[in-house]
C-alpha atoms as a PDB file:
ATOM      1  CA  MET A   1      54.836  -4.955  48.518  1.00  0.00           C
ATOM      2  CA  LYS A   2      52.591  -7.480  50.195  1.00  0.00           C
ATOM      3  CA  GLU A   3      48.829  -7.014  49.977  1.00  0.00           C
ATOM      4  CA  PHE A   4      46.528  -7.452  52.952  1.00  0.00           C
ATOM      5  CA  GLN A   5      42.877  -6.759  53.637  1.00  0.00           C
ATOM      6  CA  ILE A   6      41.353  -4.062  55.831  1.00  0.00           C
ATOM      7  CA  GLU A   7      37.791  -4.398  57.073  1.00  0.00           C
ATOM      8  CA  THR A   8      36.262  -0.936  57.465  1.00  0.00           C
ATOM      9  CA  ALA A   9      33.611   0.133  59.941  1.00  0.00           C
ATOM     10  CA  GLN A  10      31.102  -0.023  57.064  1.00  0.00           C
ATOM     11  CA  ASN A  11      31.960  -3.732  56.544  1.00  0.00           C
ATOM     12  CA  VAL A  12      33.684  -2.933  53.247  1.00  0.00           C
ATOM     13  CA  THR A  13      36.824  -4.975  52.610  1.00  0.00           C
ATOM     14  CA  ILE A  14      39.590  -3.072  50.858  1.00  0.00           C
ATOM     15  CA  GLN A  15      43.065  -4.066  49.734  1.00  0.00           C
ATOM     16  CA  GLN A  16      46.168  -2.304  50.982  1.00  0.00           C
ATOM     17  CA  ASN A  17      49.814  -2.686  50.032  1.00  0.00           C
ATOM     18  CA  ALA A  18      52.126  -2.927  53.033  1.00  0.00           C
ATOM     19  CA  ALA A  19      55.101  -0.610  52.643  1.00  0.00           C
ATOM     20  CA  SER A  20      58.276  -2.532  51.865  1.00  0.00           C
ATOM     21  CA  ILE A  21      61.238  -2.698  54.235  1.00  0.00           C
ATOM     22  CA  VAL A  22      63.310  -0.777  51.682  1.00  0.00           C
ATOM     23  CA  ASP A  23      60.758   2.064  51.465  1.00  0.00           C
ATOM     24  CA  ARG A  24      60.547   2.319  55.247  1.00  0.00           C
ATOM     25  CA  MET A  25      64.334   2.368  55.562  1.00  0.00           C
ATOM     26  CA  TRP A  26      64.623   5.149  52.964  1.00  0.00           C
ATOM     27  CA  ALA A  27      61.969   7.171  54.786  1.00  0.00           C
ATOM     28  CA  TYR A  28      63.804   6.588  58.070  1.00  0.00           C
ATOM     29  CA  LEU A  29      67.130   7.727  56.578  1.00  0.00           C
ATOM     30  CA  ILE A  30      65.542  10.905  55.185  1.00  0.00           C
ATOM     31  CA  ASP A  31      63.874  11.708  58.504  1.00  0.00           C
ATOM     32  CA  SER A  32      67.080  10.946  60.415  1.00  0.00           C
ATOM     33  CA  ALA A  33      69.044  13.284  58.122  1.00  0.00           C
ATOM     34  CA  ILE A  34      66.515  16.068  58.754  1.00  0.00           C
ATOM     35  CA  ILE A  35      66.654  15.556  62.527  1.00  0.00           C
ATOM     36  CA  PHE A  36      70.468  15.424  62.480  1.00  0.00           C
ATOM     37  CA  ALA A  37      70.709  18.614  60.384  1.00  0.00           C
ATOM     38  CA  TYR A  38      68.306  20.395  62.735  1.00  0.00           C
ATOM     39  CA  LEU A  39      70.319  19.394  65.817  1.00  0.00           C
ATOM     40  CA  ILE A  40      73.596  20.490  64.202  1.00  0.00           C
ATOM     41  CA  MET A  41      72.105  23.879  63.350  1.00  0.00           C
ATOM     42  CA  SER A  42      70.806  24.173  66.919  1.00  0.00           C
ATOM     43  CA  ILE A  43      74.286  23.517  68.312  1.00  0.00           C
ATOM     44  CA  LEU A  44      75.867  26.035  65.913  1.00  0.00           C
ATOM     45  CA  LEU A  45      73.273  28.602  66.984  1.00  0.00           C
ATOM     46  CA  LEU A  46      74.091  28.058  70.658  1.00  0.00           C
ATOM     47  CA  VAL A  47      77.795  28.374  69.947  1.00  0.00           C
ATOM     48  CA  ALA A  48      77.166  31.642  68.091  1.00  0.00           C
ATOM     49  CA  LEU A  49      75.145  32.986  71.037  1.00  0.00           C
ATOM     50  CA  ASP A  50      78.139  32.294  73.325  1.00  0.00           C
ATOM     51  CA  LEU A  51      76.016  31.415  76.361  1.00  0.00           C
ATOM     52  CA  ASP A  52      77.440  29.987  79.576  1.00  0.00           C
ATOM     53  CA  PHE A  53      77.192  26.229  79.970  1.00  0.00           C
ATOM     54  CA  GLY A  54      74.133  26.219  82.250  1.00  0.00           C
ATOM     55  CA  ASP A  55      72.094  28.523  80.042  1.00  0.00           C
ATOM     56  CA  ALA A  56      73.259  26.819  76.851  1.00  0.00           C
ATOM     57  CA  TRP A  57      72.161  23.408  78.146  1.00  0.00           C
ATOM     58  CA  ALA A  58      68.688  24.685  79.068  1.00  0.00           C
ATOM     59  CA  VAL A  59      68.261  26.426  75.705  1.00  0.00           C
ATOM     60  CA  TYR A  60      69.477  23.306  73.888  1.00  0.00           C
ATOM     61  CA  LEU A  61      66.836  21.174  75.620  1.00  0.00           C
ATOM     62  CA  ILE A  62      64.149  23.583  74.477  1.00  0.00           C
ATOM     63  CA  VAL A  63      65.286  23.978  70.857  1.00  0.00           C
ATOM     64  CA  SER A  64      65.876  20.235  70.484  1.00  0.00           C
ATOM     65  CA  LEU A  65      62.308  19.425  71.552  1.00  0.00           C
ATOM     66  CA  PRO A  66      60.945  19.540  67.948  1.00  0.00           C
ATOM     67  CA  ALA A  67      63.571  16.961  66.927  1.00  0.00           C
ATOM     68  CA  PHE A  68      62.644  14.760  69.888  1.00  0.00           C
ATOM     69  CA  LEU A  69      58.927  14.941  69.032  1.00  0.00           C
ATOM     70  CA  TYR A  70      59.492  14.896  65.257  1.00  0.00           C
ATOM     71  CA  TYR A  71      57.698  11.620  64.477  1.00  0.00           C
ATOM     72  CA  VAL A  72      54.685  11.949  66.740  1.00  0.00           C
ATOM     73  CA  LEU A  73      54.047  15.596  65.807  1.00  0.00           C
ATOM     74  CA  LEU A  74      54.378  15.217  62.041  1.00  0.00           C
ATOM     75  CA  GLU A  75      52.392  11.969  61.859  1.00  0.00           C
ATOM     76  CA  THR A  76      49.622  13.533  63.952  1.00  0.00           C
ATOM     77  CA  PHE A  77      49.320  16.761  61.987  1.00  0.00           C
ATOM     78  CA  TRP A  78      50.305  15.440  58.535  1.00  0.00           C
ATOM     79  CA  ASN A  79      47.850  12.564  58.220  1.00  0.00           C
ATOM     80  CA  GLY A  80      50.231   9.744  59.162  1.00  0.00           C
ATOM     81  CA  GLN A  81      53.261  11.033  57.305  1.00  0.00           C
ATOM     82  CA  THR A  82      56.671  12.527  58.036  1.00  0.00           C
ATOM     83  CA  VAL A  83      58.848  14.258  55.437  1.00  0.00           C
ATOM     84  CA  GLY A  84      60.516  10.928  54.653  1.00  0.00           C
ATOM     85  CA  LYS A  85      57.211   9.051  54.419  1.00  0.00           C
ATOM     86  CA  HIS A  86      55.768  11.769  52.192  1.00  0.00           C
ATOM     87  CA  LEU A  87      58.712  11.652  49.777  1.00  0.00           C
ATOM     88  CA  ILE A  88      58.720   7.844  49.640  1.00  0.00           C
ATOM     89  CA  LYS A  89      54.894   7.790  49.411  1.00  0.00           C
ATOM     90  CA  ILE A  90      54.056   5.715  52.472  1.00  0.00           C
ATOM     91  CA  LYS A  91      51.835   6.521  55.448  1.00  0.00           C
ATOM     92  CA  VAL A  92      50.536   5.211  58.770  1.00  0.00           C
ATOM     93  CA  VAL A  93      46.959   3.876  58.801  1.00  0.00           C
ATOM     94  CA  LYS A  94      44.779   1.940  61.239  1.00  0.00           C
ATOM     95  CA  LEU A  95      44.055  -1.708  60.575  1.00  0.00           C
ATOM     96  CA  ASP A  96      40.292  -1.165  60.782  1.00  0.00           C
ATOM     97  CA  GLY A  97      40.403   1.391  57.981  1.00  0.00           C
ATOM     98  CA  SER A  98      39.793   4.465  60.142  1.00  0.00           C
ATOM     99  CA  LYS A  99      42.174   7.392  60.530  1.00  0.00           C
ATOM    100  CA  PRO A 100      44.700   7.021  63.382  1.00  0.00           C
ATOM    101  CA  GLY A 101      44.405   9.435  66.289  1.00  0.00           C
ATOM    102  CA  PHE A 102      47.038  11.033  68.492  1.00  0.00           C
ATOM    103  CA  GLY A 103      46.915   8.052  70.858  1.00  0.00           C
ATOM    104  CA  ASN A 104      47.868   5.665  68.057  1.00  0.00           C
ATOM    105  CA  TYR A 105      50.753   7.834  66.913  1.00  0.00           C
ATOM    106  CA  PHE A 106      51.906   8.328  70.506  1.00  0.00           C
ATOM    107  CA  VAL A 107      52.058   4.570  71.182  1.00  0.00           C
ATOM    108  CA  ARG A 108      54.053   4.023  67.962  1.00  0.00           C
ATOM    109  CA  TRP A 109      56.424   6.820  68.984  1.00  0.00           C
ATOM    110  CA  ILE A 110      56.996   5.515  72.521  1.00  0.00           C
ATOM    111  CA  LEU A 111      57.712   1.963  71.324  1.00  0.00           C
ATOM    112  CA  ARG A 112      60.122   3.321  68.692  1.00  0.00           C
ATOM    113  CA  ILE A 113      62.615   3.333  71.564  1.00  0.00           C
ATOM    114  CA  VAL A 114      62.464  -0.478  71.652  1.00  0.00           C
ATOM    115  CA  ASP A 115      61.800  -1.112  67.950  1.00  0.00           C
ATOM    116  CA  VAL A 116      64.340   1.231  66.449  1.00  0.00           C
ATOM    117  CA  VAL A 117      66.573   3.045  68.945  1.00  0.00           C
ATOM    118  CA  ILE A 118      67.738   0.293  71.300  1.00  0.00           C
ATOM    119  CA  THR A 119      67.947  -2.454  68.662  1.00  0.00           C
ATOM    120  CA  SER A 120      69.129  -0.164  65.819  1.00  0.00           C
ATOM    121  CA  GLY A 121      66.004  -1.110  63.871  1.00  0.00           C
ATOM    122  CA  GLY A 122      66.792  -4.831  63.955  1.00  0.00           C
ATOM    123  CA  LEU A 123      63.738  -5.747  66.034  1.00  0.00           C
ATOM    124  CA  ALA A 124      61.464  -3.642  63.831  1.00  0.00           C
ATOM    125  CA  VAL A 125      62.719  -5.368  60.672  1.00  0.00           C
ATOM    126  CA  LEU A 126      62.326  -8.820  62.234  1.00  0.00           C
ATOM    127  CA  VAL A 127      58.748  -8.206  63.423  1.00  0.00           C
ATOM    128  CA  ILE A 128      57.723  -6.635  60.104  1.00  0.00           C
ATOM    129  CA  LEU A 129      59.033  -9.656  58.194  1.00  0.00           C
ATOM    130  CA  LEU A 130      57.288 -12.091  60.557  1.00  0.00           C
ATOM    131  CA  LYS A 131      53.937 -10.250  60.605  1.00  0.00           C
ATOM    132  CA  GLY A 132      53.794  -9.680  56.852  1.00  0.00           C
ATOM    133  CA  ASN A 133      51.393  -6.726  57.020  1.00  0.00           C
ATOM    134  CA  GLY A 134      53.859  -3.918  57.707  1.00  0.00           C
ATOM    135  CA  GLN A 135      53.599  -3.924  61.500  1.00  0.00           C
ATOM    136  CA  ARG A 136      56.455  -3.457  63.959  1.00  0.00           C
ATOM    137  CA  LEU A 137      55.889  -3.733  67.735  1.00  0.00           C
ATOM    138  CA  GLY A 138      54.711  -0.129  67.924  1.00  0.00           C
ATOM    139  CA  ASP A 139      52.165  -0.764  65.182  1.00  0.00           C
ATOM    140  CA  ILE A 140      50.891  -3.940  66.829  1.00  0.00           C
ATOM    141  CA  ALA A 141      50.340  -2.083  70.116  1.00  0.00           C
ATOM    142  CA  ALA A 142      48.749   0.913  68.357  1.00  0.00           C
ATOM    143  CA  GLY A 143      46.611  -1.107  65.931  1.00  0.00           C
ATOM    144  CA  THR A 144      48.290   0.542  62.956  1.00  0.00           C
ATOM    145  CA  THR A 145      50.468  -0.354  59.986  1.00  0.00           C
ATOM    146  CA  VAL A 146      52.400   1.464  57.268  1.00  0.00           C
ATOM    147  CA  VAL A 147      51.103   1.215  53.707  1.00  0.00           C
ATOM    148  CA  SER A 148      52.438   2.254  50.325  1.00  0.00           C
ATOM    149  CA  LEU A 149      50.617   4.957  48.384  1.00  0.00           C
ATOM    150  CA  LYS A 150      52.348   3.993  45.162  1.00  0.00           C
ATOM    151  CA  ARG A 151      49.690   2.981  42.683  1.00  0.00           C
ATOM    152  CA  LYS A 152      50.243  -0.245  40.778  1.00  0.00           C
ATOM    153  CA  ILE A 153      48.682  -0.044  37.322  1.00  0.00           C
ATOM    154  CA  THR A 154      46.856  -3.261  36.542  1.00  0.00           C
ATOM    155  CA  LEU A 155      44.067  -4.431  34.255  1.00  0.00           C
ATOM    156  CA  SER A 156      41.584  -3.566  37.010  1.00  0.00           C
ATOM    157  CA  ASP A 157      42.481   0.117  36.554  1.00  0.00           C
ATOM    158  CA  THR A 158      40.951   0.040  33.073  1.00  0.00           C
ATOM    159  CA  ILE A 159      37.310  -0.291  32.101  1.00  0.00           C
ATOM    160  CA  LEU A 160      37.750  -4.014  31.411  1.00  0.00           C
ATOM    161  CA  ARG A 161      36.142  -6.630  33.646  1.00  0.00           C
ATOM    162  CA  ASP A 162      36.323 -10.401  33.431  1.00  0.00           C
ATOM    163  CA  ILE A 163      32.934 -11.721  32.300  1.00  0.00           C
ATOM    164  CA  ASP A 164      31.925 -15.351  32.831  1.00  0.00           C
ATOM    165  CA  PRO A 165      31.001 -17.160  29.585  1.00  0.00           C
ATOM    166  CA  GLY A 166      27.488 -17.787  30.919  1.00  0.00           C
ATOM    167  CA  TYR A 167      26.939 -14.254  32.205  1.00  0.00           C
ATOM    168  CA  ILE A 168      23.471 -12.848  31.509  1.00  0.00           C
ATOM    169  CA  PRO A 169      23.223  -9.011  31.442  1.00  0.00           C
ATOM    170  CA  LYS A 170      20.343  -7.210  33.113  1.00  0.00           C
ATOM    171  CA  TYR A 171      20.456  -3.711  31.687  1.00  0.00           C
ATOM    172  CA  SER A 172      20.813  -3.141  27.949  1.00  0.00           C
ATOM    173  CA  GLN A 173      20.507   0.588  28.647  1.00  0.00           C
ATOM    174  CA  VAL A 174      24.187   0.643  29.666  1.00  0.00           C
ATOM    175  CA  THR A 175      25.023   1.152  25.981  1.00  0.00           C
ATOM    176  CA  LEU A 176      23.807   4.742  26.412  1.00  0.00           C
ATOM    177  CA  PHE A 177      27.151   5.462  28.049  1.00  0.00           C
ATOM    178  CA  SER A 178      30.387   6.079  26.170  1.00  0.00           C
ATOM    179  CA  ASP A 179      33.672   4.397  27.107  1.00  0.00           C
ATOM    180  CA  SER A 180      34.923   7.547  28.825  1.00  0.00           C
ATOM    181  CA  GLU A 181      31.695   7.930  30.807  1.00  0.00           C
ATOM    182  CA  MET A 182      31.814   4.297  31.928  1.00  0.00           C
ATOM    183  CA  GLN A 183      35.477   4.694  32.883  1.00  0.00           C
ATOM    184  CA  THR A 184      34.484   7.657  35.063  1.00  0.00           C
ATOM    185  CA  ILE A 185      31.685   5.622  36.659  1.00  0.00           C
ATOM    186  CA  LYS A 186      34.072   2.748  37.339  1.00  0.00           C
ATOM    187  CA  ASN A 187      36.742   5.050  38.792  1.00  0.00           C
ATOM    188  CA  LEU A 188      34.242   6.700  41.138  1.00  0.00           C
ATOM    189  CA  TYR A 189      32.820   3.318  42.129  1.00  0.00           C
ATOM    190  CA  ASP A 190      36.240   1.762  42.813  1.00  0.00           C
ATOM    191  CA  GLU A 191      37.452   4.786  44.786  1.00  0.00           C
ATOM    192  CA  ALA A 192      34.267   5.007  46.867  1.00  0.00           C
ATOM    193  CA  LYS A 193      34.362   1.271  47.587  1.00  0.00           C
ATOM    194  CA  LYS A 194      38.029   1.478  48.570  1.00  0.00           C
ATOM    195  CA  ASN A 195      37.413   4.362  50.972  1.00  0.00           C
ATOM    196  CA  GLY A 196      34.093   3.059  52.280  1.00  0.00           C
ATOM    197  CA  ASN A 197      32.343   6.228  51.040  1.00  0.00           C
ATOM    198  CA  HIS A 198      28.736   5.073  50.686  1.00  0.00           C
ATOM    199  CA  ASN A 199      27.463   8.593  49.928  1.00  0.00           C
ATOM    200  CA  ILE A 200      29.373   8.656  46.639  1.00  0.00           C
ATOM    201  CA  ILE A 201      27.855   5.288  45.695  1.00  0.00           C
ATOM    202  CA  VAL A 202      24.351   6.596  46.435  1.00  0.00           C
ATOM    203  CA  ILE A 203      24.881   9.753  44.346  1.00  0.00           C
ATOM    204  CA  LEU A 204      26.389   7.730  41.520  1.00  0.00           C
ATOM    205  CA  ASN A 205      23.480   5.280  41.677  1.00  0.00           C
ATOM    206  CA  LYS A 206      20.966   8.137  41.437  1.00  0.00           C
ATOM    207  CA  ARG A 207      22.679   9.686  38.411  1.00  0.00           C
ATOM    208  CA  VAL A 208      23.103   6.388  36.539  1.00  0.00           C
ATOM    209  CA  THR A 209      19.477   5.346  37.076  1.00  0.00           C
ATOM    210  CA  GLU A 210      18.333   8.756  35.781  1.00  0.00           C
ATOM    211  CA  VAL A 211      20.338   8.390  32.583  1.00  0.00           C
ATOM    212  CA  MET A 212      19.316   4.755  32.046  1.00  0.00           C
ATOM    213  CA  GLN A 213      15.705   5.401  33.178  1.00  0.00           C
ATOM    214  CA  VAL A 214      15.514   2.180  35.162  1.00  0.00           C
ATOM    215  CA  GLU A 215      14.424   1.233  38.659  1.00  0.00           C
ATOM    216  CA  PRO A 216      16.995  -1.277  39.922  1.00  0.00           C
ATOM    217  CA  VAL A 217      16.051  -3.919  42.466  1.00  0.00           C
ATOM    218  CA  GLU A 218      19.654  -4.187  43.699  1.00  0.00           C
ATOM    219  CA  LYS A 219      21.213  -2.018  46.346  1.00  0.00           C
ATOM    220  CA  PRO A 220      23.299   0.912  44.997  1.00  0.00           C
ATOM    221  CA  MET A 221      26.681  -0.802  45.254  1.00  0.00           C
ATOM    222  CA  ALA A 222      25.458  -4.023  43.629  1.00  0.00           C
ATOM    223  CA  PHE A 223      23.637  -2.055  40.919  1.00  0.00           C
ATOM    224  CA  ILE A 224      26.689  -0.016  39.866  1.00  0.00           C
ATOM    225  CA  ASN A 225      28.763  -3.183  39.810  1.00  0.00           C
ATOM    226  CA  THR A 226      26.167  -4.825  37.562  1.00  0.00           C
ATOM    227  CA  VAL A 227      26.120  -1.786  35.258  1.00  0.00           C
ATOM    228  CA  ILE A 228      29.895  -2.002  34.809  1.00  0.00           C
ATOM    229  CA  LYS A 229      29.717  -5.736  34.090  1.00  0.00           C
ATOM    230  CA  ASP A 230      26.804  -5.313  31.679  1.00  0.00           C
ATOM    231  CA  TYR A 231      28.660  -2.600  29.790  1.00  0.00           C
ATOM    232  CA  ASN A 232      31.652  -4.923  29.437  1.00  0.00           C
ATOM    233  CA  TYR A 233      29.363  -7.691  28.215  1.00  0.00           C
ATOM    234  CA  TYR A 234      27.767  -5.614  25.466  1.00  0.00           C
ATOM    235  CA  THR A 235      30.942  -3.853  24.343  1.00  0.00           C
ATOM    236  CA  GLN A 236      32.935  -7.080  24.231  1.00  0.00           C
ATOM    237  CA  LYS A 237      30.224  -8.688  22.087  1.00  0.00           C
ATOM    238  CA  MET A 238      30.363  -5.883  19.521  1.00  0.00           C
END
């Protein structure tokens, strides 16, 4: 999975992992199997009803409509996911960090004809490999991409932070917190920063300053970041 940056409307830069070609192909195969099974069942139903050809054709067009609109409907009402995407843990997002709307999903769906249907997916694979951020032609036109929701466990997921040798801490009161409390603070901070949720940062800032009984000069986001670094400094020195 290749990482790329998204700049949110709140000017917060977050990292995203572009969904791999393999994950997207698996999701496509799952969705295709579902659509195929639905169409087969529709045909069997029409055969069982024993309708004349004219009526059967009209009914088939109606019952096959969900299969035809499968991608655009599910992605619109299931937050950028289809059954295949949900199982493989990938989803459609906008490049600016905001949630895609129906227009974005519709453009992706229309250009699927060129990306996937006509070229058997070859053009989509080629463009995705060239772009490097998970975009096929439909995504480029819609301003979207497909990202992986699979969480990679790294050192940054723990309480540990790299501290420069010459780092000077500002708040000795951070030692009032336990490791588990600081881990909670860090998790809330990282998640809020990732999602551009400034309200969470403000609430967290208020609670931390109350416990530490300090009046920080930094803005909430910078203050919480300093608290985490200071805690690492003092605990690593012990």
